Amino acid sequence: MAVAATILSNNPPADADPLRERLAIDHEPLLSRADELLAAFERVPAEIDAETAGKASDYVKMIAGAIKDLDRVRIGEKEPYLAGGRTVDGFFKAPVDKLDKVKREVEARLQRHLR
C-alpha cells in the first residue's frame, strides 16, 4: 500500500529542488556562457607573452562581463525573497513591540515591589 501512496503522490521527490531547477532553466544561456569561459581557461598559456597578452586581456574582460551579468541576475532573483522576509518581519514587529513594552512595565512594577 505504501508504494501506491507514493505513486499517486503529487509531492516532488524529497531530493527535488524546484528553485534550483527553475533557475537552471531560466538562466541556461548565462550559465552556458560561464561554462564556456571556464573551459577556455585550458587554452590560456601558463606564460603570457606579447603575442598572447591581447587575447588574455580580452578573456579577462569577458569573464568580468559574465560575472557582472550573473551578479545582476542573482540580485534580481533574490529581491522577491528579501521583500517577503521584510514583509514577515514587519507583520510580527507590532505585536512583539507591544508585548515587549508590557513585559518591561510589569518587570518595572515587580522591581519596585521587591525594593
C-alpha atoms as a PDB file:
ATOM      1  CA  MET A   1       0.000   0.000   0.000  1.00  0.00           C
ATOM      2  CA  ALA A   2       2.918   2.388   0.646  1.00  0.00           C
ATOM      3  CA  VAL A   3       4.022   2.011  -2.972  1.00  0.00           C
ATOM      4  CA  ALA A   4       0.575   3.040  -4.240  1.00  0.00           C
ATOM      5  CA  ALA A   5       0.574   6.082  -1.973  1.00  0.00           C
ATOM      6  CA  THR A   6       3.995   7.112  -3.288  1.00  0.00           C
ATOM      7  CA  ILE A   7       2.988   6.654  -6.917  1.00  0.00           C
ATOM      8  CA  LEU A   8      -0.192   8.701  -6.505  1.00  0.00           C
ATOM      9  CA  SER A   9       1.500  11.493  -4.550  1.00  0.00           C
ATOM     10  CA  ASN A  10       1.674  14.987  -6.036  1.00  0.00           C
ATOM     11  CA  ASN A  11       4.646  15.813  -3.853  1.00  0.00           C
ATOM     12  CA  PRO A  12       8.025  16.166  -5.545  1.00  0.00           C
ATOM     13  CA  PRO A  13      10.781  13.720  -4.594  1.00  0.00           C
ATOM     14  CA  ALA A  14      12.445  14.541  -1.267  1.00  0.00           C
ATOM     15  CA  ASP A  15      15.690  15.482  -3.003  1.00  0.00           C
ATOM     16  CA  ALA A  16      13.986  17.747  -5.564  1.00  0.00           C
ATOM     17  CA  ASP A  17      14.966  21.402  -5.604  1.00  0.00           C
ATOM     18  CA  PRO A  18      12.400  23.226  -7.759  1.00  0.00           C
ATOM     19  CA  LEU A  19      14.024  26.621  -7.284  1.00  0.00           C
ATOM     20  CA  ARG A  20      17.435  25.443  -8.486  1.00  0.00           C
ATOM     21  CA  GLU A  21      15.769  23.648 -11.382  1.00  0.00           C
ATOM     22  CA  ARG A  22      13.878  26.796 -12.424  1.00  0.00           C
ATOM     23  CA  LEU A  23      16.985  28.947 -12.137  1.00  0.00           C
ATOM     24  CA  ALA A  24      18.947  26.485 -14.278  1.00  0.00           C
ATOM     25  CA  ILE A  25      16.252  26.535 -16.973  1.00  0.00           C
ATOM     26  CA  ASP A  26      15.566  30.283 -16.915  1.00  0.00           C
ATOM     27  CA  HIS A  27      19.232  31.270 -16.979  1.00  0.00           C
ATOM     28  CA  GLU A  28      20.672  28.489 -19.148  1.00  0.00           C
ATOM     29  CA  PRO A  29      22.294  30.880 -21.665  1.00  0.00           C
ATOM     30  CA  LEU A  30      24.090  32.774 -18.890  1.00  0.00           C
ATOM     31  CA  LEU A  31      25.253  29.548 -17.235  1.00  0.00           C
ATOM     32  CA  SER A  32      26.377  28.120 -20.582  1.00  0.00           C
ATOM     33  CA  ARG A  33      28.433  31.246 -21.198  1.00  0.00           C
ATOM     34  CA  ALA A  34      30.069  30.848 -17.789  1.00  0.00           C
ATOM     35  CA  ASP A  35      30.862  27.210 -18.599  1.00  0.00           C
ATOM     36  CA  GLU A  36      32.375  28.234 -21.951  1.00  0.00           C
ATOM     37  CA  LEU A  37      34.571  30.819 -20.266  1.00  0.00           C
ATOM     38  CA  LEU A  38      35.683  28.317 -17.640  1.00  0.00           C
ATOM     39  CA  ALA A  39      36.518  25.737 -20.315  1.00  0.00           C
ATOM     40  CA  ALA A  40      38.511  28.350 -22.262  1.00  0.00           C
ATOM     41  CA  PHE A  41      40.936  28.636 -19.354  1.00  0.00           C
ATOM     42  CA  GLU A  42      42.595  25.436 -20.570  1.00  0.00           C
ATOM     43  CA  ARG A  43      43.739  27.364 -23.656  1.00  0.00           C
ATOM     44  CA  VAL A  44      45.365  30.173 -21.666  1.00  0.00           C
ATOM     45  CA  PRO A  45      49.115  29.681 -21.775  1.00  0.00           C
ATOM     46  CA  ALA A  46      50.935  29.259 -18.470  1.00  0.00           C
ATOM     47  CA  GLU A  47      53.251  32.092 -19.505  1.00  0.00           C
ATOM     48  CA  ILE A  48      51.642  35.043 -21.257  1.00  0.00           C
ATOM     49  CA  ASP A  49      53.849  36.902 -23.706  1.00  0.00           C
ATOM     50  CA  ALA A  50      53.468  39.891 -26.008  1.00  0.00           C
ATOM     51  CA  GLU A  51      51.759  37.701 -28.603  1.00  0.00           C
ATOM     52  CA  THR A  52      49.092  36.304 -26.219  1.00  0.00           C
ATOM     53  CA  ALA A  53      48.624  39.350 -23.953  1.00  0.00           C
ATOM     54  CA  GLY A  54      45.845  40.870 -26.066  1.00  0.00           C
ATOM     55  CA  LYS A  55      43.810  37.676 -26.116  1.00  0.00           C
ATOM     56  CA  ALA A  56      44.373  37.184 -22.377  1.00  0.00           C
ATOM     57  CA  SER A  57      43.175  40.720 -21.730  1.00  0.00           C
ATOM     58  CA  ASP A  58      40.056  40.141 -23.845  1.00  0.00           C
ATOM     59  CA  TYR A  59      39.416  36.905 -21.953  1.00  0.00           C
ATOM     60  CA  VAL A  60      39.625  38.718 -18.617  1.00  0.00           C
ATOM     61  CA  LYS A  61      37.133  41.330 -19.900  1.00  0.00           C
ATOM     62  CA  MET A  62      34.727  38.576 -20.995  1.00  0.00           C
ATOM     63  CA  ILE A  63      34.985  36.925 -17.572  1.00  0.00           C
ATOM     64  CA  ALA A  64      34.369  40.273 -15.832  1.00  0.00           C
ATOM     65  CA  GLY A  65      31.299  40.817 -18.016  1.00  0.00           C
ATOM     66  CA  ALA A  66      29.949  37.352 -17.225  1.00  0.00           C
ATOM     67  CA  ILE A  67      30.479  37.929 -13.502  1.00  0.00           C
ATOM     68  CA  LYS A  68      28.629  41.268 -13.743  1.00  0.00           C
ATOM     69  CA  ASP A  69      25.738  39.636 -15.629  1.00  0.00           C
ATOM     70  CA  LEU A  70      25.497  36.741 -13.144  1.00  0.00           C
ATOM     71  CA  ASP A  71      25.515  39.130 -10.193  1.00  0.00           C
ATOM     72  CA  ARG A  72      22.831  41.347 -11.757  1.00  0.00           C
ATOM     73  CA  VAL A  73      20.575  38.345 -12.341  1.00  0.00           C
ATOM     74  CA  ARG A  74      21.278  36.937  -8.858  1.00  0.00           C
ATOM     75  CA  ILE A  75      20.208  40.213  -7.254  1.00  0.00           C
ATOM     76  CA  GLY A  76      17.034  40.304  -9.355  1.00  0.00           C
ATOM     77  CA  GLU A  77      16.154  36.710  -8.467  1.00  0.00           C
ATOM     78  CA  LYS A  78      16.799  37.255  -4.774  1.00  0.00           C
ATOM     79  CA  GLU A  79      14.835  40.500  -4.303  1.00  0.00           C
ATOM     80  CA  PRO A  80      11.339  38.961  -4.057  1.00  0.00           C
ATOM     81  CA  TYR A  81      12.575  36.687  -1.266  1.00  0.00           C
ATOM     82  CA  LEU A  82      14.153  39.603   0.576  1.00  0.00           C
ATOM     83  CA  ALA A  83      10.941  41.619   0.177  1.00  0.00           C
ATOM     84  CA  GLY A  84       8.982  38.665   1.556  1.00  0.00           C
ATOM     85  CA  GLY A  85      11.300  38.500   4.547  1.00  0.00           C
ATOM     86  CA  ARG A  86      10.803  42.213   5.204  1.00  0.00           C
ATOM     87  CA  THR A  87       7.015  41.724   4.994  1.00  0.00           C
ATOM     88  CA  VAL A  88       7.142  38.874   7.533  1.00  0.00           C
ATOM     89  CA  ASP A  89       9.368  40.909   9.860  1.00  0.00           C
ATOM     90  CA  GLY A  90       7.050  43.905   9.618  1.00  0.00           C
ATOM     91  CA  PHE A  91       3.954  41.802  10.207  1.00  0.00           C
ATOM     92  CA  PHE A  92       5.250  40.478  13.528  1.00  0.00           C
ATOM     93  CA  LYS A  93       7.017  43.664  14.683  1.00  0.00           C
ATOM     94  CA  ALA A  94       3.943  45.488  16.068  1.00  0.00           C
ATOM     95  CA  PRO A  95       2.680  42.675  18.344  1.00  0.00           C
ATOM     96  CA  VAL A  96       6.232  41.885  19.517  1.00  0.00           C
ATOM     97  CA  ASP A  97       6.874  45.560  20.316  1.00  0.00           C
ATOM     98  CA  LYS A  98       3.581  45.826  22.243  1.00  0.00           C
ATOM     99  CA  LEU A  99       4.278  42.651  24.223  1.00  0.00           C
ATOM    100  CA  ASP A 100       7.824  43.792  24.970  1.00  0.00           C
ATOM    101  CA  LYS A 101       6.538  47.138  26.273  1.00  0.00           C
ATOM    102  CA  VAL A 102       4.039  45.391  28.590  1.00  0.00           C
ATOM    103  CA  LYS A 103       6.721  42.927  29.752  1.00  0.00           C
ATOM    104  CA  ARG A 104       9.096  45.782  30.648  1.00  0.00           C
ATOM    105  CA  GLU A 105       6.338  47.625  32.537  1.00  0.00           C
ATOM    106  CA  VAL A 106       5.427  44.529  34.580  1.00  0.00           C
ATOM    107  CA  GLU A 107       9.118  43.892  35.312  1.00  0.00           C
ATOM    108  CA  ALA A 108       9.490  47.501  36.494  1.00  0.00           C
ATOM    109  CA  ARG A 109       6.470  47.146  38.785  1.00  0.00           C
ATOM    110  CA  LEU A 110       7.874  43.866  40.107  1.00  0.00           C
ATOM    111  CA  GLN A 111      11.230  45.513  40.808  1.00  0.00           C
ATOM    112  CA  ARG A 112       9.512  48.383  42.695  1.00  0.00           C
ATOM    113  CA  HIS A 113       7.680  45.797  44.822  1.00  0.00           C
ATOM    114  CA  LEU A 114      10.893  43.855  45.560  1.00  0.00           C
ATOM    115  CA  ARG A 115      12.733  47.013  46.630  1.00  0.00           C
END
